[in-house]
Amino acid sequence: MALPDAPLPSEGLFVTHFLTVADQAISRAFYEGVLGGKVVAAKNPTMIKLANSWIILNEGGGPTPDKPNTVLEPPQNPDRVNSFLNLRVADIQSCYDDWKAKGARFLTEPLDNHGWELRCYMQDPDGYIIEVGQAAKKMFDFIDAYAD
């Protein structure tokens, strides 16, 4: 039986982001309670619809037959990153205030990135970095210049 809203395409594709987590319940509470995601499947794996995308959370393990030399594990050092989620928002200050009040750990308040955007970063319970950004006028002007 298919789950409603699950990222299971009947054609084309869905983009999902898979995160290896230490505890599915703790991570699920963050992505649902702080960021407002909708839990589609509670565990093994946890699937969450987040705005127009999906997050899949599962505990580490491996190797498996289809990835014979790969072990999945949460980040070992939250200060060393090789990828991150990027959330584009309409009102960064409102998101920052709301998510911080719900327990999000931000590295800084929203800062101006050379006039291109306002942005800040937070960490999820496993230490994954999440960029939150709001485009500034300079970004819109840049995109408009290349739209023709």
N, C-alpha and C. Protein backbone atom coordinates (compact mmCIF):
# COMPACT_ATOMS: atom_id res chain seq x y z
N MET A 1 0.85 -1.18 0.00
CA MET A 1 0.00 0.00 0.00
C MET A 1 0.89 1.24 0.00
N ALA A 2 0.65 2.15 -0.93
CA ALA A 2 1.45 3.38 -1.03
C ALA A 2 1.04 4.37 0.05
N LEU A 3 2.04 5.05 0.62
CA LEU A 3 1.78 6.09 1.60
C LEU A 3 1.41 7.37 0.89
N PRO A 4 0.37 8.08 1.35
CA PRO A 4 0.04 9.36 0.71
C PRO A 4 1.21 10.33 0.89
N ASP A 5 1.50 11.08 -0.14
CA ASP A 5 2.57 12.08 -0.14
C ASP A 5 3.98 11.48 -0.07
N ALA A 6 4.13 10.17 -0.14
CA ALA A 6 5.47 9.57 -0.10
C ALA A 6 6.20 9.88 -1.41
N PRO A 7 7.52 10.01 -1.36
CA PRO A 7 8.28 10.30 -2.58
C PRO A 7 8.46 9.05 -3.43
N LEU A 8 7.34 8.56 -3.96
CA LEU A 8 7.33 7.37 -4.80
C LEU A 8 6.72 7.73 -6.14
N PRO A 9 7.53 8.18 -7.10
CA PRO A 9 6.98 8.68 -8.36
C PRO A 9 6.39 7.57 -9.23
N SER A 10 5.30 7.88 -9.89
CA SER A 10 4.75 6.97 -10.89
C SER A 10 5.39 7.25 -12.25
N GLU A 11 6.01 8.43 -12.37
CA GLU A 11 6.80 8.79 -13.54
C GLU A 11 7.77 9.88 -13.13
N GLY A 12 8.81 10.09 -13.92
CA GLY A 12 9.78 11.14 -13.60
C GLY A 12 10.55 10.82 -12.34
N LEU A 13 10.81 11.84 -11.55
CA LEU A 13 11.59 11.63 -10.33
C LEU A 13 11.24 12.64 -9.27
N PHE A 14 11.57 12.30 -8.03
CA PHE A 14 11.53 13.20 -6.89
C PHE A 14 12.96 13.34 -6.40
N VAL A 15 13.32 14.50 -5.91
CA VAL A 15 14.61 14.68 -5.25
C VAL A 15 14.37 14.56 -3.76
N THR A 16 15.13 13.69 -3.12
CA THR A 16 15.07 13.55 -1.67
C THR A 16 16.48 13.73 -1.14
N HIS A 17 16.59 14.06 0.12
CA HIS A 17 17.91 14.17 0.75
C HIS A 17 17.94 13.17 1.90
N PHE A 18 18.89 12.24 1.84
CA PHE A 18 19.03 11.19 2.84
C PHE A 18 20.06 11.62 3.87
N LEU A 19 19.68 11.57 5.14
CA LEU A 19 20.59 11.90 6.22
C LEU A 19 20.74 10.70 7.14
N THR A 20 21.97 10.31 7.41
CA THR A 20 22.24 9.26 8.38
C THR A 20 22.22 9.92 9.76
N VAL A 21 21.39 9.39 10.65
CA VAL A 21 21.17 10.02 11.95
C VAL A 21 21.46 9.03 13.08
N ALA A 22 21.75 9.56 14.25
CA ALA A 22 21.99 8.71 15.42
C ALA A 22 20.68 8.19 16.01
N ASP A 23 19.60 9.01 15.94
CA ASP A 23 18.33 8.63 16.54
C ASP A 23 17.21 9.21 15.69
N GLN A 24 16.45 8.33 15.03
CA GLN A 24 15.39 8.79 14.13
C GLN A 24 14.35 9.65 14.84
N ALA A 25 13.98 9.29 16.06
CA ALA A 25 12.93 10.03 16.78
C ALA A 25 13.38 11.46 17.08
N ILE A 26 14.63 11.65 17.50
CA ILE A 26 15.13 12.99 17.80
C ILE A 26 15.20 13.83 16.53
N SER A 27 15.72 13.25 15.46
CA SER A 27 15.81 13.99 14.20
C SER A 27 14.43 14.27 13.62
N ARG A 28 13.53 13.30 13.71
CA ARG A 28 12.15 13.49 13.24
C ARG A 28 11.50 14.66 13.98
N ALA A 29 11.71 14.74 15.30
CA ALA A 29 11.13 15.83 16.08
C ALA A 29 11.65 17.18 15.61
N PHE A 30 12.92 17.26 15.24
CA PHE A 30 13.50 18.51 14.74
C PHE A 30 12.88 18.91 13.40
N TYR A 31 12.91 17.99 12.43
CA TYR A 31 12.42 18.34 11.09
C TYR A 31 10.91 18.56 11.06
N GLU A 32 10.18 17.91 11.95
CA GLU A 32 8.74 18.12 12.04
C GLU A 32 8.42 19.32 12.93
N GLY A 33 8.94 19.33 14.14
CA GLY A 33 8.57 20.34 15.13
C GLY A 33 9.17 21.70 14.90
N VAL A 34 10.43 21.75 14.45
CA VAL A 34 11.09 23.04 14.23
C VAL A 34 10.83 23.56 12.82
N LEU A 35 11.08 22.73 11.81
CA LEU A 35 10.95 23.19 10.42
C LEU A 35 9.57 22.99 9.82
N GLY A 36 8.67 22.31 10.53
CA GLY A 36 7.29 22.18 10.05
C GLY A 36 7.08 21.11 9.01
N GLY A 37 7.97 20.13 8.93
CA GLY A 37 7.80 19.04 7.98
C GLY A 37 6.63 18.13 8.35
N LYS A 38 6.15 17.40 7.36
CA LYS A 38 5.04 16.45 7.56
C LYS A 38 5.62 15.04 7.53
N VAL A 39 5.49 14.30 8.63
CA VAL A 39 5.99 12.93 8.69
C VAL A 39 5.11 12.04 7.82
N VAL A 40 5.74 11.38 6.86
CA VAL A 40 5.05 10.47 5.96
C VAL A 40 5.23 9.03 6.45
N ALA A 41 6.41 8.72 6.96
CA ALA A 41 6.69 7.41 7.57
C ALA A 41 7.53 7.68 8.82
N ALA A 42 7.15 7.06 9.94
CA ALA A 42 7.76 7.40 11.22
C ALA A 42 9.17 6.84 11.42
N LYS A 43 9.46 5.63 10.89
CA LYS A 43 10.81 5.11 11.10
C LYS A 43 11.15 3.97 10.16
N ASN A 44 12.42 3.76 10.04
CA ASN A 44 13.04 2.67 9.27
C ASN A 44 12.67 2.62 7.79
N PRO A 45 12.85 3.66 7.02
CA PRO A 45 13.36 4.97 7.40
C PRO A 45 12.24 5.94 7.73
N THR A 46 12.61 7.04 8.37
CA THR A 46 11.70 8.15 8.57
C THR A 46 11.66 8.94 7.26
N MET A 47 10.46 9.23 6.78
CA MET A 47 10.31 10.07 5.58
C MET A 47 9.51 11.30 5.97
N ILE A 48 10.02 12.46 5.58
CA ILE A 48 9.38 13.72 5.95
C ILE A 48 9.25 14.59 4.70
N LYS A 49 8.03 15.05 4.46
CA LYS A 49 7.81 16.02 3.39
C LYS A 49 8.11 17.39 3.97
N LEU A 50 9.08 18.07 3.40
CA LEU A 50 9.51 19.38 3.87
C LEU A 50 9.34 20.36 2.72
N ALA A 51 8.29 21.18 2.81
CA ALA A 51 7.94 22.12 1.74
C ALA A 51 7.77 21.33 0.44
N ASN A 52 8.59 21.61 -0.56
CA ASN A 52 8.46 20.93 -1.85
C ASN A 52 9.55 19.87 -2.05
N SER A 53 10.02 19.30 -0.96
CA SER A 53 11.08 18.31 -1.01
C SER A 53 10.84 17.25 0.06
N TRP A 54 11.72 16.27 0.12
CA TRP A 54 11.60 15.21 1.10
C TRP A 54 12.95 14.98 1.76
N ILE A 55 12.88 14.67 3.05
CA ILE A 55 14.06 14.29 3.84
C ILE A 55 13.83 12.85 4.27
N ILE A 56 14.85 12.02 4.09
CA ILE A 56 14.79 10.64 4.56
C ILE A 56 15.84 10.51 5.66
N LEU A 57 15.42 10.03 6.82
CA LEU A 57 16.29 9.87 7.98
C LEU A 57 16.41 8.39 8.32
N ASN A 58 17.63 7.90 8.42
CA ASN A 58 17.82 6.51 8.82
C ASN A 58 19.11 6.39 9.61
N GLU A 59 19.14 5.40 10.48
CA GLU A 59 20.35 5.18 11.27
C GLU A 59 21.41 4.52 10.41
N GLY A 60 22.65 4.68 10.79
CA GLY A 60 23.78 4.19 10.01
C GLY A 60 23.84 2.68 9.90
N GLY A 61 24.80 2.25 9.12
CA GLY A 61 25.00 0.83 8.93
C GLY A 61 25.73 0.55 7.64
N GLY A 62 25.78 -0.70 7.32
CA GLY A 62 26.42 -1.12 6.08
C GLY A 62 27.71 -1.83 6.39
N PRO A 63 28.41 -2.21 5.41
CA PRO A 63 28.06 -2.17 3.99
C PRO A 63 26.86 -3.08 3.65
N THR A 64 26.34 -2.87 2.46
CA THR A 64 25.25 -3.69 1.94
C THR A 64 25.65 -4.18 0.55
N PRO A 65 24.94 -5.16 0.00
CA PRO A 65 25.33 -5.68 -1.32
C PRO A 65 25.41 -4.60 -2.40
N ASP A 66 24.56 -3.58 -2.34
CA ASP A 66 24.57 -2.55 -3.38
C ASP A 66 25.55 -1.42 -3.10
N LYS A 67 26.16 -1.39 -1.93
CA LYS A 67 27.25 -0.45 -1.60
C LYS A 67 28.25 -1.20 -0.72
N PRO A 68 28.99 -2.13 -1.34
CA PRO A 68 29.79 -3.09 -0.58
C PRO A 68 30.94 -2.52 0.23
N ASN A 69 31.38 -1.31 -0.02
CA ASN A 69 32.49 -0.73 0.72
C ASN A 69 32.11 0.55 1.46
N THR A 70 30.81 0.78 1.63
CA THR A 70 30.33 2.04 2.19
C THR A 70 29.66 1.81 3.53
N VAL A 71 30.06 2.59 4.52
CA VAL A 71 29.43 2.58 5.83
C VAL A 71 28.78 3.95 6.02
N LEU A 72 27.51 3.95 6.42
CA LEU A 72 26.80 5.20 6.67
C LEU A 72 26.88 5.53 8.15
N GLU A 73 27.23 6.79 8.45
CA GLU A 73 27.30 7.24 9.84
C GLU A 73 27.01 8.73 9.90
N PRO A 74 26.47 9.20 11.03
CA PRO A 74 26.25 10.64 11.20
C PRO A 74 27.58 11.38 11.19
N PRO A 75 27.57 12.69 11.02
CA PRO A 75 28.81 13.46 11.02
C PRO A 75 29.60 13.22 12.31
N GLN A 76 30.90 13.10 12.18
CA GLN A 76 31.76 12.89 13.33
C GLN A 76 32.27 14.21 13.91
N ASN A 77 32.33 15.24 13.07
CA ASN A 77 32.82 16.54 13.50
C ASN A 77 31.93 17.61 12.88
N PRO A 78 31.06 18.25 13.66
CA PRO A 78 30.13 19.23 13.09
C PRO A 78 30.80 20.49 12.54
N ASP A 79 32.10 20.66 12.78
CA ASP A 79 32.82 21.81 12.22
C ASP A 79 33.44 21.50 10.86
N ARG A 80 33.32 20.27 10.38
CA ARG A 80 33.84 19.89 9.07
C ARG A 80 32.67 19.36 8.25
N VAL A 81 32.39 20.03 7.14
CA VAL A 81 31.18 19.76 6.37
C VAL A 81 31.53 19.54 4.90
N ASN A 82 30.83 18.60 4.25
CA ASN A 82 31.03 18.45 2.80
C ASN A 82 29.74 18.61 2.01
N SER A 83 28.62 18.74 2.69
CA SER A 83 27.36 19.08 2.03
C SER A 83 26.40 19.62 3.08
N PHE A 84 25.36 20.32 2.64
CA PHE A 84 24.37 20.82 3.58
C PHE A 84 23.07 21.10 2.86
N LEU A 85 21.99 21.12 3.63
CA LEU A 85 20.70 21.53 3.10
C LEU A 85 20.72 23.04 2.90
N ASN A 86 20.02 23.51 1.91
CA ASN A 86 19.91 24.94 1.64
C ASN A 86 18.43 25.26 1.56
N LEU A 87 17.93 25.98 2.53
CA LEU A 87 16.53 26.37 2.56
C LEU A 87 16.41 27.83 2.13
N ARG A 88 15.66 28.08 1.07
CA ARG A 88 15.43 29.44 0.58
C ARG A 88 14.09 29.89 1.14
N VAL A 89 14.07 31.01 1.82
CA VAL A 89 12.85 31.49 2.49
C VAL A 89 12.51 32.90 2.04
N ALA A 90 11.24 33.26 2.23
CA ALA A 90 10.77 34.60 1.86
C ALA A 90 11.08 35.62 2.95
N ASP A 91 11.09 35.20 4.20
CA ASP A 91 11.30 36.12 5.32
C ASP A 91 12.23 35.46 6.33
N ILE A 92 13.52 35.69 6.19
CA ILE A 92 14.52 35.01 7.01
C ILE A 92 14.41 35.37 8.48
N GLN A 93 14.11 36.61 8.79
CA GLN A 93 14.04 37.00 10.20
C GLN A 93 12.90 36.29 10.90
N SER A 94 11.77 36.18 10.22
CA SER A 94 10.63 35.48 10.79
C SER A 94 10.96 34.00 11.01
N CYS A 95 11.59 33.35 10.02
CA CYS A 95 11.99 31.94 10.17
C CYS A 95 12.99 31.78 11.30
N TYR A 96 13.98 32.67 11.34
CA TYR A 96 14.99 32.61 12.39
C TYR A 96 14.34 32.70 13.77
N ASP A 97 13.47 33.69 13.95
CA ASP A 97 12.82 33.89 15.25
C ASP A 97 11.95 32.67 15.62
N ASP A 98 11.16 32.18 14.66
CA ASP A 98 10.26 31.06 14.90
C ASP A 98 11.05 29.79 15.22
N TRP A 99 12.03 29.45 14.38
CA TRP A 99 12.76 28.21 14.55
C TRP A 99 13.65 28.25 15.80
N LYS A 100 14.21 29.41 16.10
CA LYS A 100 15.03 29.53 17.32
C LYS A 100 14.14 29.33 18.55
N ALA A 101 12.94 29.89 18.54
CA ALA A 101 12.02 29.71 19.67
C ALA A 101 11.62 28.25 19.84
N LYS A 102 11.67 27.48 18.74
CA LYS A 102 11.33 26.05 18.80
C LYS A 102 12.54 25.17 19.11
N GLY A 103 13.69 25.80 19.33
CA GLY A 103 14.85 25.04 19.75
C GLY A 103 15.96 24.87 18.73
N ALA A 104 15.85 25.48 17.56
CA ALA A 104 16.92 25.36 16.57
C ALA A 104 18.20 26.01 17.09
N ARG A 105 19.34 25.38 16.81
CA ARG A 105 20.65 25.92 17.20
C ARG A 105 21.26 26.61 15.99
N PHE A 106 21.28 27.92 16.01
CA PHE A 106 21.87 28.71 14.93
C PHE A 106 23.32 29.04 15.25
N LEU A 107 24.16 29.08 14.22
CA LEU A 107 25.55 29.47 14.40
C LEU A 107 25.68 30.98 14.55
N THR A 108 24.83 31.74 13.83
CA THR A 108 24.78 33.20 13.92
C THR A 108 23.35 33.64 13.64
N GLU A 109 23.10 34.91 13.87
CA GLU A 109 21.85 35.52 13.41
C GLU A 109 21.96 35.69 11.89
N PRO A 110 20.86 36.02 11.19
CA PRO A 110 20.96 36.29 9.76
C PRO A 110 21.93 37.45 9.50
N LEU A 111 22.84 37.23 8.56
CA LEU A 111 23.85 38.23 8.20
C LEU A 111 23.76 38.55 6.72
N ASP A 112 24.14 39.77 6.36
CA ASP A 112 24.18 40.21 4.97
C ASP A 112 25.40 39.61 4.29
N ASN A 113 25.18 38.90 3.20
CA ASN A 113 26.25 38.30 2.42
C ASN A 113 26.57 39.20 1.23
N HIS A 114 27.28 40.29 1.47
CA HIS A 114 27.74 41.22 0.44
C HIS A 114 26.61 41.74 -0.44
N GLY A 115 25.43 41.91 0.13
CA GLY A 115 24.31 42.47 -0.62
C GLY A 115 23.56 41.47 -1.48
N TRP A 116 24.06 40.24 -1.57
CA TRP A 116 23.41 39.21 -2.40
C TRP A 116 22.24 38.57 -1.71
N GLU A 117 22.41 38.33 -0.42
CA GLU A 117 21.38 37.63 0.33
C GLU A 117 21.62 37.84 1.82
N LEU A 118 20.59 37.57 2.58
CA LEU A 118 20.72 37.43 4.02
C LEU A 118 20.79 35.93 4.27
N ARG A 119 21.69 35.50 5.16
CA ARG A 119 21.75 34.07 5.43
C ARG A 119 22.29 33.80 6.82
N CYS A 120 21.94 32.62 7.29
CA CYS A 120 22.45 32.11 8.55
C CYS A 120 22.46 30.59 8.45
N TYR A 121 23.12 29.97 9.40
CA TYR A 121 23.23 28.53 9.40
C TYR A 121 22.78 27.98 10.75
N MET A 122 22.14 26.83 10.72
CA MET A 122 21.77 26.13 11.94
C MET A 122 22.28 24.70 11.84
N GLN A 123 22.24 23.99 12.96
CA GLN A 123 22.61 22.58 12.98
C GLN A 123 21.43 21.76 13.45
N ASP A 124 21.24 20.60 12.81
CA ASP A 124 20.21 19.68 13.28
C ASP A 124 20.78 18.86 14.44
N PRO A 125 20.00 17.96 15.04
CA PRO A 125 20.49 17.22 16.21
C PRO A 125 21.75 16.40 15.98
N ASP A 126 22.02 16.00 14.74
CA ASP A 126 23.22 15.22 14.44
C ASP A 126 24.40 16.09 14.03
N GLY A 127 24.19 17.40 13.94
CA GLY A 127 25.27 18.30 13.55
C GLY A 127 25.28 18.66 12.08
N TYR A 128 24.30 18.17 11.30
CA TYR A 128 24.22 18.57 9.89
C TYR A 128 23.95 20.07 9.83
N ILE A 129 24.63 20.73 8.90
CA ILE A 129 24.45 22.17 8.70
C ILE A 129 23.28 22.41 7.75
N ILE A 130 22.48 23.41 8.09
CA ILE A 130 21.36 23.83 7.23
C ILE A 130 21.50 25.32 7.00
N GLU A 131 21.68 25.70 5.74
CA GLU A 131 21.74 27.12 5.39
C GLU A 131 20.32 27.64 5.19
N VAL A 132 20.04 28.80 5.74
CA VAL A 132 18.77 29.47 5.55
C VAL A 132 19.10 30.80 4.87
N GLY A 133 18.52 31.04 3.69
CA GLY A 133 18.85 32.25 2.95
C GLY A 133 17.63 32.94 2.37
N GLN A 134 17.75 34.25 2.29
CA GLN A 134 16.73 35.09 1.66
C GLN A 134 17.44 35.98 0.66
N ALA A 135 17.06 35.87 -0.61
CA ALA A 135 17.69 36.68 -1.65
C ALA A 135 17.45 38.16 -1.42
N ALA A 136 18.47 38.96 -1.71
CA ALA A 136 18.38 40.42 -1.62
C ALA A 136 18.19 40.99 -3.02
N LYS A 137 17.95 42.28 -3.09
CA LYS A 137 17.69 42.94 -4.38
C LYS A 137 18.81 42.68 -5.38
N LYS A 138 20.04 42.67 -4.94
CA LYS A 138 21.18 42.43 -5.83
C LYS A 138 21.05 41.08 -6.54
N MET A 139 20.57 40.07 -5.83
CA MET A 139 20.37 38.74 -6.42
C MET A 139 19.27 38.78 -7.47
N PHE A 140 18.15 39.44 -7.16
CA PHE A 140 17.06 39.54 -8.11
C PHE A 140 17.50 40.29 -9.36
N ASP A 141 18.27 41.37 -9.18
CA ASP A 141 18.77 42.14 -10.32
C ASP A 141 19.69 41.27 -11.19
N PHE A 142 20.54 40.47 -10.57
CA PHE A 142 21.45 39.57 -11.28
C PHE A 142 20.67 38.56 -12.11
N ILE A 143 19.65 37.96 -11.49
CA ILE A 143 18.84 36.95 -12.19
C ILE A 143 18.08 37.61 -13.33
N ASP A 144 17.51 38.78 -13.10
CA ASP A 144 16.77 39.48 -14.16
C ASP A 144 17.68 39.82 -15.34
N ALA A 145 18.93 40.16 -15.07
CA ALA A 145 19.86 40.51 -16.15
C ALA A 145 20.14 39.34 -17.07
N TYR A 146 20.07 38.13 -16.56
CA TYR A 146 20.36 36.93 -17.36
C TYR A 146 19.13 36.21 -17.82
N ALA A 147 17.96 36.70 -17.47
CA ALA A 147 16.71 36.05 -17.83
C ALA A 147 16.37 36.25 -19.31
N ASP A 148 16.91 37.28 -19.90
CA ASP A 148 16.58 37.57 -21.31
C ASP A 148 17.31 36.71 -22.23
